[in-house]
Protein backbone atom coordinates (compact mmCIF):
# COMPACT_ATOMS: atom_id res chain seq x y z
CA MET A 1 88.50 112.20 84.42
CA THR A 2 85.16 113.44 85.55
CA THR A 3 84.38 114.67 89.03
CA LEU A 4 82.13 111.68 89.66
CA ASN A 5 84.90 109.23 88.75
CA TYR A 6 87.37 111.09 90.92
CA LEU A 7 85.03 111.08 93.92
CA SER A 8 84.22 107.39 93.49
CA TYR A 9 87.94 106.50 93.31
CA LEU A 10 88.57 108.62 96.38
CA LEU A 11 85.76 106.92 98.29
CA VAL A 12 86.99 103.42 97.38
CA MET A 13 90.53 104.35 98.40
CA ALA A 14 89.31 105.73 101.73
CA ILE A 15 87.28 102.59 102.48
CA VAL A 16 90.15 100.25 101.60
CA THR A 17 92.61 102.28 103.67
CA TYR A 18 90.24 102.33 106.63
CA LEU A 19 89.61 98.57 106.40
CA VAL A 20 93.30 97.74 106.22
CA ARG A 21 94.01 99.79 109.33
CA THR A 22 91.05 98.64 111.42
CA LEU A 23 90.77 94.98 110.40
CA PRO A 24 93.64 93.78 112.65
CA PHE A 25 91.99 95.41 115.66
CA ILE A 26 88.70 93.69 114.84
CA VAL A 27 90.21 90.27 114.12
CA PHE A 28 92.72 90.16 117.00
CA ARG A 29 90.74 91.26 120.04
CA THR A 30 92.96 89.33 122.46
CA LYS A 31 96.72 89.11 122.74
CA VAL A 32 98.24 86.92 120.02
CA ASP A 33 100.17 84.02 121.56
CA ASN A 34 100.81 81.93 118.45
CA LYS A 35 104.49 82.23 117.46
CA LEU A 36 103.75 81.75 113.77
CA VAL A 37 101.16 84.53 113.67
CA LYS A 38 103.41 86.82 115.74
CA SER A 39 106.37 86.31 113.43
CA PHE A 40 104.15 86.77 110.38
CA LEU A 41 102.79 90.06 111.71
CA TYR A 42 106.29 91.16 112.66
CA TYR A 43 107.95 90.50 109.29
CA VAL A 44 105.16 91.43 106.86
CA PRO A 45 105.79 95.21 106.97
CA TYR A 46 109.49 94.71 106.20
CA ALA A 47 108.75 92.30 103.36
CA VAL A 48 106.16 94.60 101.81
CA LEU A 49 108.43 97.63 102.11
CA GLY A 50 111.31 95.72 100.57
CA SER A 51 109.23 94.40 97.70
CA MET A 52 107.92 97.89 96.95
CA THR A 53 111.24 99.73 97.11
CA PHE A 54 113.73 97.24 95.66
CA PRO A 55 112.59 97.51 92.01
CA VAL A 56 112.48 101.30 92.30
CA ILE A 57 116.06 101.34 93.61
CA ILE A 58 117.28 99.31 90.63
CA TYR A 59 115.45 101.32 87.97
CA SER A 60 115.66 104.81 89.53
CA THR A 61 118.90 105.79 87.84
CA GLY A 62 117.57 105.32 84.33
CA ASN A 63 120.22 102.69 83.69
CA ILE A 64 119.79 99.23 85.14
CA TYR A 65 123.54 98.57 85.37
CA SER A 66 124.30 101.60 87.53
CA GLY A 67 121.33 100.72 89.72
CA ILE A 68 122.53 97.17 90.20
CA VAL A 69 126.10 98.24 90.99
CA ALA A 70 125.00 100.95 93.44
CA THR A 71 122.57 98.58 95.14
CA SER A 72 125.24 95.90 95.42
CA VAL A 73 127.71 98.33 96.96
CA GLY A 74 125.03 99.55 99.35
CA LEU A 75 124.15 96.01 100.41
CA VAL A 76 127.80 95.14 101.06
CA LEU A 77 128.36 98.30 103.11
CA ALA A 78 125.17 97.71 105.09
CA TYR A 79 126.18 94.10 105.74
CA LYS A 80 129.54 95.32 107.06
CA GLY A 81 127.69 97.48 109.61
CA LYS A 82 128.22 100.95 108.16
CA SER A 83 125.78 103.70 109.10
CA MET A 84 122.65 104.21 107.06
CA VAL A 85 123.67 107.73 106.01
CA PHE A 86 127.09 106.52 104.87
CA VAL A 87 125.55 103.66 102.87
CA ALA A 88 123.03 105.99 101.22
CA VAL A 89 125.64 108.61 100.31
CA VAL A 90 128.11 106.09 98.91
CA ALA A 91 125.40 104.28 96.91
CA CYS A 92 124.21 107.59 95.45
CA LEU A 93 127.77 108.56 94.52
CA ILE A 94 128.38 105.17 92.91
CA ALA A 95 125.17 105.47 90.89
CA TYR A 96 126.12 108.99 89.81
CA ILE A 97 129.65 107.99 88.80
CA MET A 98 128.37 104.92 86.95
CA ASN A 99 125.89 107.07 85.03
CA LEU A 100 128.69 109.45 84.06
CA ILE A 101 130.82 106.56 82.85
CA ILE A 102 128.06 104.76 80.97
CA MET A 103 126.41 107.78 79.34
């Protein structure tokens, strides 16, 4: 990669990042009263974060089966109201044990 390519990619990334962060302030100058728009703006960050992290969680162990089992256990523990640290530690242990068993 040449320096010119690198600088052009960096400039495009900076412009896109700046637009994404400033566009809501430009578009919504007044308080948003529409319930649909409010709920959309409220849930979009969670949906995007979930869609970005969920595939990584499944494939991060190198074995899809251990990822699926660990994710399933984590989801069940989280649904039962366990703490986030407990869920993360147990899911990691399950993934590790599954990798030992499978490999």
